[in-house]
C-alpha atoms as a PDB file:
ATOM      1  CA  MET A   1     -21.135  -4.215   1.626  1.00  0.00           C
ATOM      2  CA  ASP A   2     -20.271  -3.706  -2.023  1.00  0.00           C
ATOM      3  CA  SER A   3     -17.024  -4.692  -3.725  1.00  0.00           C
ATOM      4  CA  ILE A   4     -15.747  -1.107  -3.962  1.00  0.00           C
ATOM      5  CA  MET A   5     -16.086  -0.712  -0.185  1.00  0.00           C
ATOM      6  CA  ARG A   6     -14.325  -4.046   0.421  1.00  0.00           C
ATOM      7  CA  THR A   7     -11.492  -3.087  -1.905  1.00  0.00           C
ATOM      8  CA  LYS A   8     -10.967   0.206  -0.071  1.00  0.00           C
ATOM      9  CA  ILE A   9     -11.003  -1.581   3.295  1.00  0.00           C
ATOM     10  CA  ASP A  10      -8.487  -4.167   2.057  1.00  0.00           C
ATOM     11  CA  ARG A  11      -6.272  -1.355   0.775  1.00  0.00           C
ATOM     12  CA  VAL A  12      -6.224   0.279   4.212  1.00  0.00           C
ATOM     13  CA  LEU A  13      -5.415  -3.035   5.920  1.00  0.00           C
ATOM     14  CA  ASP A  14      -2.604  -3.623   3.409  1.00  0.00           C
ATOM     15  CA  THR A  15      -1.175  -0.140   4.018  1.00  0.00           C
ATOM     16  CA  VAL A  16      -1.159   0.354   7.801  1.00  0.00           C
ATOM     17  CA  LYS A  17       1.858  -1.313   9.419  1.00  0.00           C
ATOM     18  CA  GLU A  18       2.557  -2.365  12.974  1.00  0.00           C
ATOM     19  CA  PRO A  19       5.616  -0.310  13.978  1.00  0.00           C
ATOM     20  CA  GLU A  20       7.672  -3.039  15.667  1.00  0.00           C
ATOM     21  CA  THR A  21       7.432  -5.738  13.001  1.00  0.00           C
ATOM     22  CA  GLY A  22       6.690  -3.681   9.896  1.00  0.00           C
ATOM     23  CA  LEU A  23       3.922  -6.139   9.012  1.00  0.00           C
ATOM     24  CA  THR A  24       0.595  -4.862   7.722  1.00  0.00           C
ATOM     25  CA  MET A  25      -2.683  -5.218   9.572  1.00  0.00           C
ATOM     26  CA  ALA A  26      -3.756  -7.751   6.930  1.00  0.00           C
ATOM     27  CA  GLN A  27      -0.620  -9.842   7.491  1.00  0.00           C
ATOM     28  CA  LEU A  28      -1.050  -9.760  11.266  1.00  0.00           C
ATOM     29  CA  GLY A  29      -4.783 -10.435  11.259  1.00  0.00           C
ATOM     30  CA  PHE A  30      -5.157  -7.475  13.639  1.00  0.00           C
ATOM     31  CA  VAL A  31      -8.681  -6.713  12.442  1.00  0.00           C
ATOM     32  CA  GLU A  32     -11.201  -9.373  13.391  1.00  0.00           C
ATOM     33  CA  ARG A  33     -14.227  -7.912  11.609  1.00  0.00           C
ATOM     34  CA  ILE A  34     -15.689  -4.702  10.235  1.00  0.00           C
ATOM     35  CA  ARG A  35     -19.256  -3.454  10.522  1.00  0.00           C
ATOM     36  CA  TYR A  36     -20.573  -0.881   8.048  1.00  0.00           C
ATOM     37  CA  SER A  37     -23.869   0.952   8.436  1.00  0.00           C
ATOM     38  CA  ASP A  38     -24.920   2.958   5.411  1.00  0.00           C
ATOM     39  CA  ALA A  39     -27.910   4.372   7.305  1.00  0.00           C
ATOM     40  CA  GLN A  40     -25.708   5.669  10.150  1.00  0.00           C
ATOM     41  CA  LYS A  41     -22.746   6.466   7.880  1.00  0.00           C
ATOM     42  CA  LYS A  42     -20.522   4.568  10.297  1.00  0.00           C
ATOM     43  CA  LEU A  43     -17.647   2.121   9.977  1.00  0.00           C
ATOM     44  CA  THR A  44     -16.718   0.126  13.087  1.00  0.00           C
ATOM     45  CA  VAL A  45     -13.452  -1.807  13.028  1.00  0.00           C
ATOM     46  CA  PHE A  46     -13.049  -4.582  15.597  1.00  0.00           C
ATOM     47  CA  SER A  47      -9.459  -5.438  16.442  1.00  0.00           C
ATOM     48  CA  SER A  48      -8.554  -8.942  17.518  1.00  0.00           C
ATOM     49  CA  ASN A  49      -7.926  -9.647  21.178  1.00  0.00           C
ATOM     50  CA  LEU A  50      -4.304 -10.097  22.054  1.00  0.00           C
ATOM     51  CA  LYS A  51      -3.087 -12.551  24.637  1.00  0.00           C
ATOM     52  CA  ASP A  52      -2.877 -11.230  28.186  1.00  0.00           C
ATOM     53  CA  ASN A  53       0.597 -10.884  29.600  1.00  0.00           C
ATOM     54  CA  ARG A  54       1.144 -11.514  33.291  1.00  0.00           C
ATOM     55  CA  LYS A  55       4.191  -9.269  33.521  1.00  0.00           C
ATOM     56  CA  LEU A  56       3.393  -5.602  34.052  1.00  0.00           C
ATOM     57  CA  CYS A  57       6.168  -4.305  31.789  1.00  0.00           C
ATOM     58  CA  CYS A  58       4.934  -6.467  28.911  1.00  0.00           C
ATOM     59  CA  THR A  59       1.334  -5.393  29.485  1.00  0.00           C
ATOM     60  CA  VAL A  60       2.307  -1.718  29.411  1.00  0.00           C
ATOM     61  CA  MET A  61       4.382  -2.085  26.234  1.00  0.00           C
ATOM     62  CA  GLN A  62       1.700  -4.138  24.534  1.00  0.00           C
ATOM     63  CA  GLY A  63      -0.912  -1.526  25.473  1.00  0.00           C
ATOM     64  CA  LEU A  64       1.193   1.253  23.979  1.00  0.00           C
ATOM     65  CA  LEU A  65       1.728  -0.662  20.739  1.00  0.00           C
ATOM     66  CA  VAL A  66      -1.953  -1.555  20.427  1.00  0.00           C
ATOM     67  CA  SER A  67      -2.990   2.020  21.158  1.00  0.00           C
ATOM     68  CA  GLY A  68      -0.627   3.386  18.513  1.00  0.00           C
ATOM     69  CA  THR A  69      -1.772   0.796  16.001  1.00  0.00           C
ATOM     70  CA  LYS A  70      -5.442   1.588  16.626  1.00  0.00           C
ATOM     71  CA  ASN A  71      -4.710   5.292  16.175  1.00  0.00           C
ATOM     72  CA  ALA A  72      -2.922   4.627  12.883  1.00  0.00           C
ATOM     73  CA  LEU A  73      -5.838   2.478  11.695  1.00  0.00           C
ATOM     74  CA  THR A  74      -8.357   5.144  12.689  1.00  0.00           C
ATOM     75  CA  GLU A  75      -6.451   7.822  10.763  1.00  0.00           C
ATOM     76  CA  ALA A  76      -6.108   5.613   7.678  1.00  0.00           C
ATOM     77  CA  PHE A  77      -9.791   4.656   7.656  1.00  0.00           C
ATOM     78  CA  GLN A  78     -10.848   8.289   8.189  1.00  0.00           C
ATOM     79  CA  LYS A  79      -8.693   9.321   5.239  1.00  0.00           C
ATOM     80  CA  ALA A  80     -10.104   6.542   3.023  1.00  0.00           C
ATOM     81  CA  PHE A  81     -13.711   7.142   4.154  1.00  0.00           C
ATOM     82  CA  PRO A  82     -14.021  10.871   4.941  1.00  0.00           C
ATOM     83  CA  ASP A  83     -17.839  10.773   4.812  1.00  0.00           C
ATOM     84  CA  LEU A  84     -18.104   8.100   7.525  1.00  0.00           C
ATOM     85  CA  ALA A  85     -17.732   8.118  11.278  1.00  0.00           C
ATOM     86  CA  VAL A  86     -14.915   5.645  12.017  1.00  0.00           C
ATOM     87  CA  GLU A  87     -14.429   3.790  15.272  1.00  0.00           C
ATOM     88  CA  VAL A  88     -11.695   1.242  15.973  1.00  0.00           C
ATOM     89  CA  VAL A  89     -12.409  -0.890  19.024  1.00  0.00           C
END
């Protein structure tokens, strides 16, 4: 991955914020790794695993927050890389 691509990725991670804390994805370490395939024109973003909660209400809330955050990341990466297929997992 070239430096221009890395800079654009870092910019996205520094822009997208988690709604509850207002911290960026870079500050939270939400993204564990990123895989880029030039041949497939695909960018796969792997989010970090969050700790399991035993209480149902916490699990539901955490799921909603993670889902919203993944959606925001997907939109931001699609905007920054319109020529690539983007998947956040």
